[in-house]
N, C-alpha and C. Protein backbone atom coordinates (compact mmCIF):
# COMPACT_ATOMS: atom_id res chain seq x y z
N MET A 1 72.60 115.05 128.89
CA MET A 1 73.54 115.20 127.78
C MET A 1 74.82 115.80 128.35
N ASN A 2 75.93 115.11 128.19
CA ASN A 2 77.19 115.61 128.74
C ASN A 2 77.92 116.46 127.72
N ALA A 3 79.02 117.10 128.18
CA ALA A 3 79.77 118.03 127.33
C ALA A 3 80.45 117.31 126.18
N ARG A 4 80.86 116.06 126.39
CA ARG A 4 81.56 115.32 125.34
C ARG A 4 80.67 115.06 124.13
N SER A 5 79.38 114.80 124.36
CA SER A 5 78.50 114.49 123.23
C SER A 5 78.16 115.72 122.41
N ARG A 6 78.28 116.92 123.00
CA ARG A 6 77.99 118.14 122.26
C ARG A 6 79.19 118.68 121.52
N GLU A 7 80.36 118.14 121.80
CA GLU A 7 81.58 118.64 121.21
C GLU A 7 81.63 118.29 119.72
N MET A 8 82.08 119.24 118.90
CA MET A 8 82.21 119.01 117.46
C MET A 8 83.68 119.13 117.11
N HIS A 9 84.16 118.22 116.28
CA HIS A 9 85.56 118.23 115.86
C HIS A 9 85.65 118.68 114.41
N ILE A 10 86.44 119.72 114.17
CA ILE A 10 86.66 120.23 112.82
C ILE A 10 88.06 119.80 112.40
N PRO A 11 88.19 118.95 111.40
CA PRO A 11 89.51 118.47 110.99
C PRO A 11 90.32 119.58 110.31
N VAL A 12 91.56 119.75 110.75
CA VAL A 12 92.39 120.84 110.27
C VAL A 12 92.84 120.61 108.82
N GLY A 13 93.24 119.39 108.48
CA GLY A 13 93.74 119.11 107.13
C GLY A 13 92.74 119.42 106.04
N PRO A 14 91.53 118.84 106.10
CA PRO A 14 90.53 119.18 105.08
C PRO A 14 90.13 120.65 105.08
N LEU A 15 90.19 121.29 106.25
CA LEU A 15 89.87 122.72 106.30
C LEU A 15 90.92 123.55 105.56
N VAL A 16 92.19 123.25 105.77
CA VAL A 16 93.27 123.96 105.06
C VAL A 16 93.18 123.69 103.56
N ALA A 17 92.90 122.43 103.19
CA ALA A 17 92.78 122.09 101.77
C ALA A 17 91.60 122.82 101.13
N ALA A 18 90.49 122.94 101.86
CA ALA A 18 89.33 123.64 101.31
C ALA A 18 89.60 125.13 101.14
N VAL A 19 90.33 125.74 102.07
CA VAL A 19 90.72 127.14 101.91
C VAL A 19 91.59 127.30 100.67
N GLY A 20 92.50 126.36 100.46
CA GLY A 20 93.33 126.39 99.25
C GLY A 20 92.50 126.22 97.99
N GLY A 21 91.48 125.36 98.05
CA GLY A 21 90.61 125.17 96.89
C GLY A 21 89.82 126.42 96.55
N VAL A 22 89.31 127.09 97.56
CA VAL A 22 88.58 128.35 97.31
C VAL A 22 89.54 129.40 96.74
N LEU A 23 90.74 129.47 97.29
CA LEU A 23 91.74 130.41 96.78
C LEU A 23 92.09 130.11 95.32
N LEU A 24 92.17 128.84 94.97
CA LEU A 24 92.47 128.45 93.59
C LEU A 24 91.34 128.87 92.64
N ILE A 25 90.10 128.68 93.05
CA ILE A 25 88.97 129.08 92.21
C ILE A 25 88.95 130.60 92.03
N VAL A 26 89.19 131.33 93.12
CA VAL A 26 89.21 132.80 93.03
C VAL A 26 90.34 133.26 92.11
N SER A 27 91.48 132.59 92.19
CA SER A 27 92.64 133.00 91.38
C SER A 27 92.38 132.86 89.88
N LEU A 28 91.52 131.91 89.51
CA LEU A 28 91.24 131.72 88.09
C LEU A 28 90.49 132.91 87.49
N GLY A 29 89.82 133.68 88.30
CA GLY A 29 89.14 134.88 87.80
C GLY A 29 90.04 136.09 87.71
N LEU A 30 91.24 136.00 88.29
CA LEU A 30 92.20 137.11 88.26
C LEU A 30 93.16 136.94 87.09
N ASP A 31 93.99 137.96 86.87
CA ASP A 31 94.95 137.93 85.75
C ASP A 31 96.08 136.95 86.05
N TRP A 32 96.27 136.00 85.12
CA TRP A 32 97.39 135.07 85.22
C TRP A 32 98.54 135.53 84.34
N TYR A 33 98.23 135.98 83.14
CA TYR A 33 99.25 136.46 82.18
C TYR A 33 98.74 137.77 81.60
N ALA A 34 99.50 138.83 81.79
CA ALA A 34 99.14 140.17 81.29
C ALA A 34 97.69 140.48 81.66
N ASP A 35 96.81 140.58 80.68
CA ASP A 35 95.41 140.88 80.94
C ASP A 35 94.50 139.67 80.78
N LEU A 36 95.07 138.48 80.76
CA LEU A 36 94.27 137.26 80.59
C LEU A 36 94.07 136.57 81.93
N SER A 37 92.82 136.28 82.25
CA SER A 37 92.54 135.55 83.48
C SER A 37 92.82 134.06 83.25
N GLY A 38 92.76 133.31 84.32
CA GLY A 38 92.95 131.87 84.20
C GLY A 38 91.88 131.23 83.33
N PHE A 39 90.66 131.74 83.42
CA PHE A 39 89.58 131.20 82.59
C PHE A 39 89.77 131.54 81.11
N ASN A 40 90.39 132.68 80.81
CA ASN A 40 90.60 133.08 79.42
C ASN A 40 91.84 132.47 78.80
N SER A 41 92.82 132.10 79.60
CA SER A 41 94.09 131.64 79.03
C SER A 41 94.17 130.12 78.84
N PHE A 42 93.26 129.37 79.42
CA PHE A 42 93.30 127.91 79.28
C PHE A 42 92.09 127.40 78.52
N GLU A 43 92.26 126.24 77.91
CA GLU A 43 91.13 125.61 77.22
C GLU A 43 90.41 124.64 78.16
N VAL A 44 91.16 123.73 78.76
CA VAL A 44 90.56 122.70 79.60
C VAL A 44 91.11 122.75 81.02
N LEU A 45 92.33 123.23 81.19
CA LEU A 45 92.96 123.19 82.51
C LEU A 45 92.21 123.99 83.55
N ASP A 46 91.54 125.07 83.13
CA ASP A 46 90.77 125.84 84.11
C ASP A 46 89.63 125.02 84.68
N LEU A 47 88.99 124.22 83.84
CA LEU A 47 87.90 123.37 84.31
C LEU A 47 88.42 122.25 85.21
N VAL A 48 89.59 121.72 84.88
CA VAL A 48 90.20 120.69 85.73
C VAL A 48 90.54 121.27 87.10
N LEU A 49 91.09 122.49 87.12
CA LEU A 49 91.44 123.12 88.39
C LEU A 49 90.19 123.42 89.22
N VAL A 50 89.12 123.85 88.59
CA VAL A 50 87.87 124.08 89.33
C VAL A 50 87.35 122.76 89.88
N LEU A 51 87.43 121.70 89.10
CA LEU A 51 86.94 120.39 89.56
C LEU A 51 87.73 119.89 90.76
N VAL A 52 89.06 119.98 90.72
CA VAL A 52 89.85 119.50 91.85
C VAL A 52 89.64 120.38 93.08
N ALA A 53 89.40 121.67 92.87
CA ALA A 53 89.12 122.55 94.00
C ALA A 53 87.77 122.22 94.64
N LEU A 54 86.79 121.90 93.82
CA LEU A 54 85.48 121.51 94.35
C LEU A 54 85.54 120.18 95.08
N VAL A 55 86.41 119.29 94.65
CA VAL A 55 86.56 118.01 95.34
C VAL A 55 87.09 118.24 96.76
N THR A 56 87.97 119.23 96.95
CA THR A 56 88.46 119.51 98.30
C THR A 56 87.32 120.01 99.20
N LEU A 57 86.38 120.74 98.63
CA LEU A 57 85.22 121.18 99.41
C LEU A 57 84.33 120.00 99.77
N VAL A 58 84.20 119.05 98.87
CA VAL A 58 83.43 117.84 99.14
C VAL A 58 84.11 117.01 100.23
N VAL A 59 85.44 116.93 100.19
CA VAL A 59 86.18 116.19 101.21
C VAL A 59 85.97 116.84 102.58
N LEU A 60 85.96 118.17 102.65
CA LEU A 60 85.71 118.84 103.92
C LEU A 60 84.29 118.54 104.42
N ALA A 61 83.31 118.61 103.53
CA ALA A 61 81.94 118.31 103.93
C ALA A 61 81.81 116.87 104.42
N ALA A 62 82.53 115.95 103.79
CA ALA A 62 82.50 114.55 104.24
C ALA A 62 83.20 114.39 105.59
N ALA A 63 84.28 115.13 105.80
CA ALA A 63 84.99 115.04 107.09
C ALA A 63 84.16 115.63 108.22
N LEU A 64 83.32 116.61 107.92
CA LEU A 64 82.44 117.19 108.93
C LEU A 64 81.19 116.34 109.16
N GLY A 65 80.99 115.32 108.34
CA GLY A 65 79.83 114.46 108.48
C GLY A 65 78.60 114.98 107.78
N LEU A 66 78.75 115.95 106.89
CA LEU A 66 77.61 116.51 106.17
C LEU A 66 77.24 115.70 104.94
N LEU A 67 78.21 114.97 104.38
CA LEU A 67 78.00 114.17 103.18
C LEU A 67 78.61 112.79 103.36
N ARG A 68 78.10 111.86 102.61
CA ARG A 68 78.75 110.55 102.50
C ARG A 68 79.23 110.43 101.06
N THR A 69 80.53 110.19 100.92
CA THR A 69 81.11 110.10 99.59
C THR A 69 81.85 108.79 99.43
N PRO A 70 82.00 108.34 98.20
CA PRO A 70 82.78 107.12 97.96
C PRO A 70 84.27 107.40 97.80
N LEU A 71 84.73 108.58 98.19
CA LEU A 71 86.13 108.94 98.03
C LEU A 71 87.00 108.15 99.00
N ARG A 72 88.16 107.74 98.53
CA ARG A 72 89.09 107.00 99.37
C ARG A 72 89.95 107.95 100.18
N ASP A 73 90.71 107.41 101.12
CA ASP A 73 91.53 108.24 102.01
C ASP A 73 92.63 109.00 101.27
N GLY A 74 93.19 108.45 100.21
CA GLY A 74 94.28 109.08 99.49
C GLY A 74 93.85 110.11 98.46
N THR A 75 92.56 110.31 98.29
CA THR A 75 92.06 111.24 97.28
C THR A 75 92.55 112.67 97.48
N PRO A 76 92.50 113.23 98.70
CA PRO A 76 92.99 114.61 98.85
C PRO A 76 94.46 114.77 98.47
N LEU A 77 95.28 113.77 98.74
CA LEU A 77 96.69 113.85 98.39
C LEU A 77 96.88 113.86 96.88
N VAL A 78 96.16 113.01 96.18
CA VAL A 78 96.25 112.97 94.71
C VAL A 78 95.75 114.28 94.11
N ILE A 79 94.66 114.81 94.66
CA ILE A 79 94.09 116.06 94.17
C ILE A 79 95.06 117.22 94.41
N GLY A 80 95.68 117.27 95.59
CA GLY A 80 96.63 118.34 95.90
C GLY A 80 97.85 118.30 95.01
N VAL A 81 98.38 117.09 94.77
CA VAL A 81 99.54 116.96 93.89
C VAL A 81 99.17 117.36 92.46
N ALA A 82 98.01 116.93 91.99
CA ALA A 82 97.58 117.26 90.63
C ALA A 82 97.43 118.77 90.45
N ALA A 83 96.80 119.44 91.42
CA ALA A 83 96.62 120.88 91.32
C ALA A 83 97.96 121.60 91.32
N LEU A 84 98.87 121.18 92.20
CA LEU A 84 100.17 121.84 92.26
C LEU A 84 100.97 121.61 90.98
N VAL A 85 100.91 120.43 90.43
CA VAL A 85 101.64 120.14 89.18
C VAL A 85 101.08 120.96 88.02
N ILE A 86 99.77 121.09 87.93
CA ILE A 86 99.16 121.87 86.85
C ILE A 86 99.56 123.34 86.96
N VAL A 87 99.45 123.90 88.16
CA VAL A 87 99.79 125.32 88.32
C VAL A 87 101.28 125.55 88.10
N LEU A 88 102.13 124.67 88.62
CA LEU A 88 103.57 124.82 88.39
C LEU A 88 103.92 124.70 86.91
N SER A 89 103.23 123.82 86.19
CA SER A 89 103.50 123.69 84.76
C SER A 89 103.14 124.96 84.00
N GLN A 90 102.12 125.65 84.46
CA GLN A 90 101.73 126.90 83.80
C GLN A 90 102.64 128.06 84.19
N LEU A 91 103.29 127.94 85.35
CA LEU A 91 104.28 128.94 85.73
C LEU A 91 105.57 128.76 84.94
N ILE A 92 105.98 127.51 84.78
CA ILE A 92 107.22 127.21 84.05
C ILE A 92 107.05 127.36 82.55
N ASN A 93 105.92 126.90 82.03
CA ASN A 93 105.68 126.90 80.58
C ASN A 93 104.35 127.60 80.30
N PRO A 94 104.33 128.94 80.24
CA PRO A 94 103.07 129.66 80.01
C PRO A 94 102.55 129.44 78.59
N PRO A 95 101.30 129.84 78.34
CA PRO A 95 100.75 129.69 76.99
C PRO A 95 101.60 130.44 75.97
N PRO A 96 101.57 130.01 74.71
CA PRO A 96 102.45 130.60 73.69
C PRO A 96 101.97 131.93 73.15
N ALA A 97 101.25 132.70 73.91
CA ALA A 97 100.74 133.99 73.41
C ALA A 97 101.77 135.09 73.54
N GLY A 98 102.99 134.75 73.92
CA GLY A 98 104.03 135.77 74.05
C GLY A 98 103.92 136.57 75.33
N LEU A 99 103.36 135.95 76.35
CA LEU A 99 103.13 136.66 77.61
C LEU A 99 104.09 136.19 78.70
N ASN A 100 105.26 135.75 78.32
CA ASN A 100 106.20 135.17 79.28
C ASN A 100 106.69 136.18 80.31
N ASP A 101 106.74 137.46 79.96
CA ASP A 101 107.32 138.44 80.85
C ASP A 101 106.35 138.96 81.91
N ASP A 102 105.06 138.88 81.66
CA ASP A 102 104.09 139.49 82.55
C ASP A 102 103.23 138.43 83.24
N ILE A 103 103.69 137.99 84.39
CA ILE A 103 102.92 137.01 85.17
C ILE A 103 102.08 137.79 86.16
N GLY A 104 100.78 137.50 86.18
CA GLY A 104 99.86 138.25 87.01
C GLY A 104 99.70 137.68 88.41
N THR A 105 98.93 138.38 89.21
CA THR A 105 98.68 138.00 90.60
C THR A 105 97.91 136.70 90.70
N GLY A 106 97.03 136.45 89.75
CA GLY A 106 96.22 135.23 89.79
C GLY A 106 97.05 133.96 89.78
N LEU A 107 98.14 133.96 89.03
CA LEU A 107 99.00 132.78 88.97
C LEU A 107 99.65 132.53 90.33
N TRP A 108 100.09 133.58 90.99
CA TRP A 108 100.72 133.40 92.31
C TRP A 108 99.70 132.96 93.35
N LEU A 109 98.49 133.49 93.28
CA LEU A 109 97.44 133.04 94.19
C LEU A 109 97.03 131.60 93.90
N GLY A 110 97.02 131.24 92.62
CA GLY A 110 96.72 129.86 92.25
C GLY A 110 97.78 128.91 92.78
N LEU A 111 99.03 129.34 92.72
CA LEU A 111 100.12 128.52 93.25
C LEU A 111 99.99 128.37 94.77
N ALA A 112 99.64 129.45 95.45
CA ALA A 112 99.44 129.38 96.90
C ALA A 112 98.25 128.48 97.24
N GLY A 113 97.17 128.58 96.48
CA GLY A 113 96.00 127.74 96.72
C GLY A 113 96.31 126.27 96.51
N ALA A 114 97.04 125.96 95.44
CA ALA A 114 97.40 124.56 95.18
C ALA A 114 98.34 124.03 96.26
N ALA A 115 99.25 124.89 96.74
CA ALA A 115 100.16 124.47 97.82
C ALA A 115 99.38 124.23 99.11
N LEU A 116 98.38 125.07 99.39
CA LEU A 116 97.54 124.85 100.57
C LEU A 116 96.73 123.56 100.44
N MET A 117 96.28 123.26 99.24
CA MET A 117 95.54 122.01 99.03
C MET A 117 96.43 120.81 99.34
N LEU A 118 97.67 120.86 98.90
CA LEU A 118 98.60 119.76 99.17
C LEU A 118 98.96 119.71 100.65
N ALA A 119 99.20 120.87 101.27
CA ALA A 119 99.52 120.90 102.69
C ALA A 119 98.36 120.37 103.53
N GLY A 120 97.15 120.72 103.16
CA GLY A 120 95.98 120.20 103.86
C GLY A 120 95.84 118.70 103.72
N ALA A 121 96.17 118.19 102.54
CA ALA A 121 96.12 116.74 102.35
C ALA A 121 97.15 116.02 103.21
N ILE A 122 98.32 116.61 103.32
CA ILE A 122 99.36 116.02 104.17
C ILE A 122 98.94 116.12 105.64
N LEU A 123 98.36 117.25 106.05
CA LEU A 123 97.89 117.40 107.42
C LEU A 123 96.76 116.44 107.75
N SER A 124 95.97 116.08 106.78
CA SER A 124 94.84 115.18 107.05
C SER A 124 95.31 113.78 107.42
N THR A 125 96.53 113.43 107.05
CA THR A 125 97.04 112.12 107.46
C THR A 125 97.37 112.10 108.95
N ALA A 126 97.62 113.27 109.54
CA ALA A 126 97.92 113.36 110.98
C ALA A 126 96.65 113.35 111.82
N ARG A 127 95.51 113.57 111.22
CA ARG A 127 94.22 113.58 111.89
C ARG A 127 94.17 114.58 113.06
N ILE A 128 94.59 115.81 112.79
CA ILE A 128 94.52 116.88 113.77
C ILE A 128 93.17 117.55 113.63
N ALA A 129 92.52 117.86 114.76
CA ALA A 129 91.20 118.47 114.71
C ALA A 129 91.09 119.55 115.77
N ILE A 130 90.19 120.49 115.52
CA ILE A 130 89.86 121.55 116.47
C ILE A 130 88.56 121.14 117.14
N ALA A 131 88.53 121.11 118.46
CA ALA A 131 87.32 120.75 119.19
C ALA A 131 86.53 122.02 119.50
N VAL A 132 85.26 122.02 119.14
CA VAL A 132 84.39 123.16 119.37
C VAL A 132 83.19 122.67 120.16
N GLU A 133 82.91 123.36 121.26
CA GLU A 133 81.76 123.01 122.08
C GLU A 133 80.79 124.18 122.08
N PRO A 134 79.55 123.94 121.67
CA PRO A 134 78.58 125.03 121.67
C PRO A 134 78.25 125.43 123.10
N ARG A 135 78.08 126.71 123.34
CA ARG A 135 77.75 127.22 124.67
C ARG A 135 76.28 127.57 124.72
N THR A 136 75.67 127.24 125.82
CA THR A 136 74.28 127.62 126.05
C THR A 136 74.26 128.84 126.97
N ARG A 137 73.11 129.43 127.14
CA ARG A 137 73.02 130.60 128.02
C ARG A 137 73.31 130.21 129.47
N ALA A 138 72.90 129.02 129.87
CA ALA A 138 73.13 128.59 131.25
C ALA A 138 74.62 128.39 131.51
N SER A 139 75.34 127.78 130.57
CA SER A 139 76.77 127.57 130.78
C SER A 139 77.54 128.88 130.67
N ALA A 140 77.06 129.82 129.86
CA ALA A 140 77.72 131.11 129.75
C ALA A 140 77.51 131.93 131.03
N ALA A 141 76.32 131.81 131.67
CA ALA A 141 76.05 132.54 132.90
C ALA A 141 76.84 131.95 134.07
N ALA A 142 77.09 130.65 134.07
CA ALA A 142 77.81 130.00 135.16
C ALA A 142 79.30 130.27 135.09
N ALA A 143 79.82 130.55 133.91
CA ALA A 143 81.25 130.79 133.76
C ALA A 143 81.60 132.18 134.28
N PRO A 144 82.74 132.32 134.99
CA PRO A 144 83.12 133.65 135.47
C PRO A 144 83.53 134.53 134.29
N PRO A 145 83.35 135.83 134.42
CA PRO A 145 83.76 136.72 133.32
C PRO A 145 85.27 136.63 133.13
N PRO A 146 85.75 136.84 131.89
CA PRO A 146 87.18 136.68 131.63
C PRO A 146 88.06 137.67 132.36
N ASP A 147 87.53 138.84 132.77
CA ASP A 147 88.35 139.82 133.44
C ASP A 147 88.22 139.77 134.96
N ALA A 148 87.51 138.77 135.50
CA ALA A 148 87.35 138.64 136.94
C ALA A 148 88.65 138.15 137.56
N PRO A 149 89.02 138.74 138.71
CA PRO A 149 90.27 138.29 139.34
C PRO A 149 90.08 136.90 139.94
N PRO A 150 91.15 136.11 140.00
CA PRO A 150 91.02 134.78 140.57
C PRO A 150 90.78 134.88 142.07
N PRO A 151 90.15 133.87 142.67
CA PRO A 151 89.93 133.92 144.11
C PRO A 151 91.27 133.90 144.84
N PRO A 152 91.35 134.59 146.00
CA PRO A 152 92.63 134.65 146.72
C PRO A 152 93.03 133.27 147.24
N ALA A 153 94.32 133.01 147.19
CA ALA A 153 94.83 131.74 147.69
C ALA A 153 94.98 131.83 149.20
N ARG A 154 94.63 130.77 149.90
CA ARG A 154 94.71 130.75 151.36
C ARG A 154 96.01 130.10 151.77
N SER A 155 96.80 130.84 152.54
CA SER A 155 98.07 130.28 153.01
C SER A 155 97.94 129.72 154.41
N THR A 156 96.92 130.14 155.16
CA THR A 156 96.72 129.61 156.51
C THR A 156 95.45 128.80 156.52
N PRO A 157 95.39 127.81 157.39
CA PRO A 157 94.15 127.01 157.46
C PRO A 157 93.01 127.84 158.04
N PRO A 158 91.80 127.49 157.75
CA PRO A 158 90.66 128.21 158.31
C PRO A 158 90.70 128.14 159.84
N PRO A 159 90.09 129.11 160.54
CA PRO A 159 90.18 129.15 162.00
C PRO A 159 89.53 127.96 162.69
N ASP A 160 88.58 127.29 162.07
CA ASP A 160 87.92 126.17 162.72
C ASP A 160 88.76 124.89 162.68
N GLN A 161 89.87 124.90 161.98
CA GLN A 161 90.73 123.72 161.92
C GLN A 161 91.97 123.98 162.76
N ALA A 162 92.27 123.06 163.61
CA ALA A 162 93.48 123.17 164.43
C ALA A 162 94.67 122.74 163.60
N PRO A 163 95.83 123.39 163.76
CA PRO A 163 96.99 122.99 162.99
C PRO A 163 97.47 121.60 163.43
N THR A 164 97.93 120.84 162.46
CA THR A 164 98.45 119.51 162.73
C THR A 164 99.95 119.56 162.79
N VAL A 165 100.55 118.42 163.13
CA VAL A 165 102.00 118.34 163.23
C VAL A 165 102.64 118.64 161.87
N ALA A 166 101.99 118.23 160.80
CA ALA A 166 102.57 118.46 159.46
C ALA A 166 102.50 119.93 159.08
N ASP A 167 101.57 120.70 159.71
CA ASP A 167 101.43 122.11 159.37
C ASP A 167 102.41 122.99 160.11
N GLU A 168 103.02 122.49 161.23
CA GLU A 168 103.92 123.32 162.02
C GLU A 168 105.24 123.50 161.30
N PRO A 169 105.81 124.71 161.37
CA PRO A 169 107.11 124.92 160.70
C PRO A 169 108.22 124.19 161.44
N ARG A 170 109.17 123.72 160.68
CA ARG A 170 110.32 123.01 161.25
C ARG A 170 111.45 124.00 161.51
N PRO A 171 112.22 123.79 162.62
CA PRO A 171 113.34 124.72 162.91
C PRO A 171 114.52 124.51 162.04
């Protein structure tokens, strides 16, 4: 088994989008307006935001090869745009409960999560990945310690080799 077959590639785009999705779900439990959380201030939009955030997690699992899904390639981009539009609409036009002056931390985190979802979708079109290779005990023992000094460089040939014409200094 060679090193190439053990290497695992983690796609950066779906990973960034999934982090944004988790951040969006967490933000819904925090205060969006005064003392109202995202779950308390919306009727249906909170469920839509949770659904689109969960889809980003499914896209990451599919990109890692853990699931097979019927999702098309453009799905993360549509999901990211939808999440960002919904959160921006709630920032611009809050619920009519008279809470226009007090925007909570949850709304800003939701906006950041939706922006990360969109950024991850855009990054996924570039197909950038992080390569991870698992290390075994044998390969870890064979590798020099990180603080070991490099071997000294040899400027002169070993004594058993006679100098050649190319090795002699020119005047």
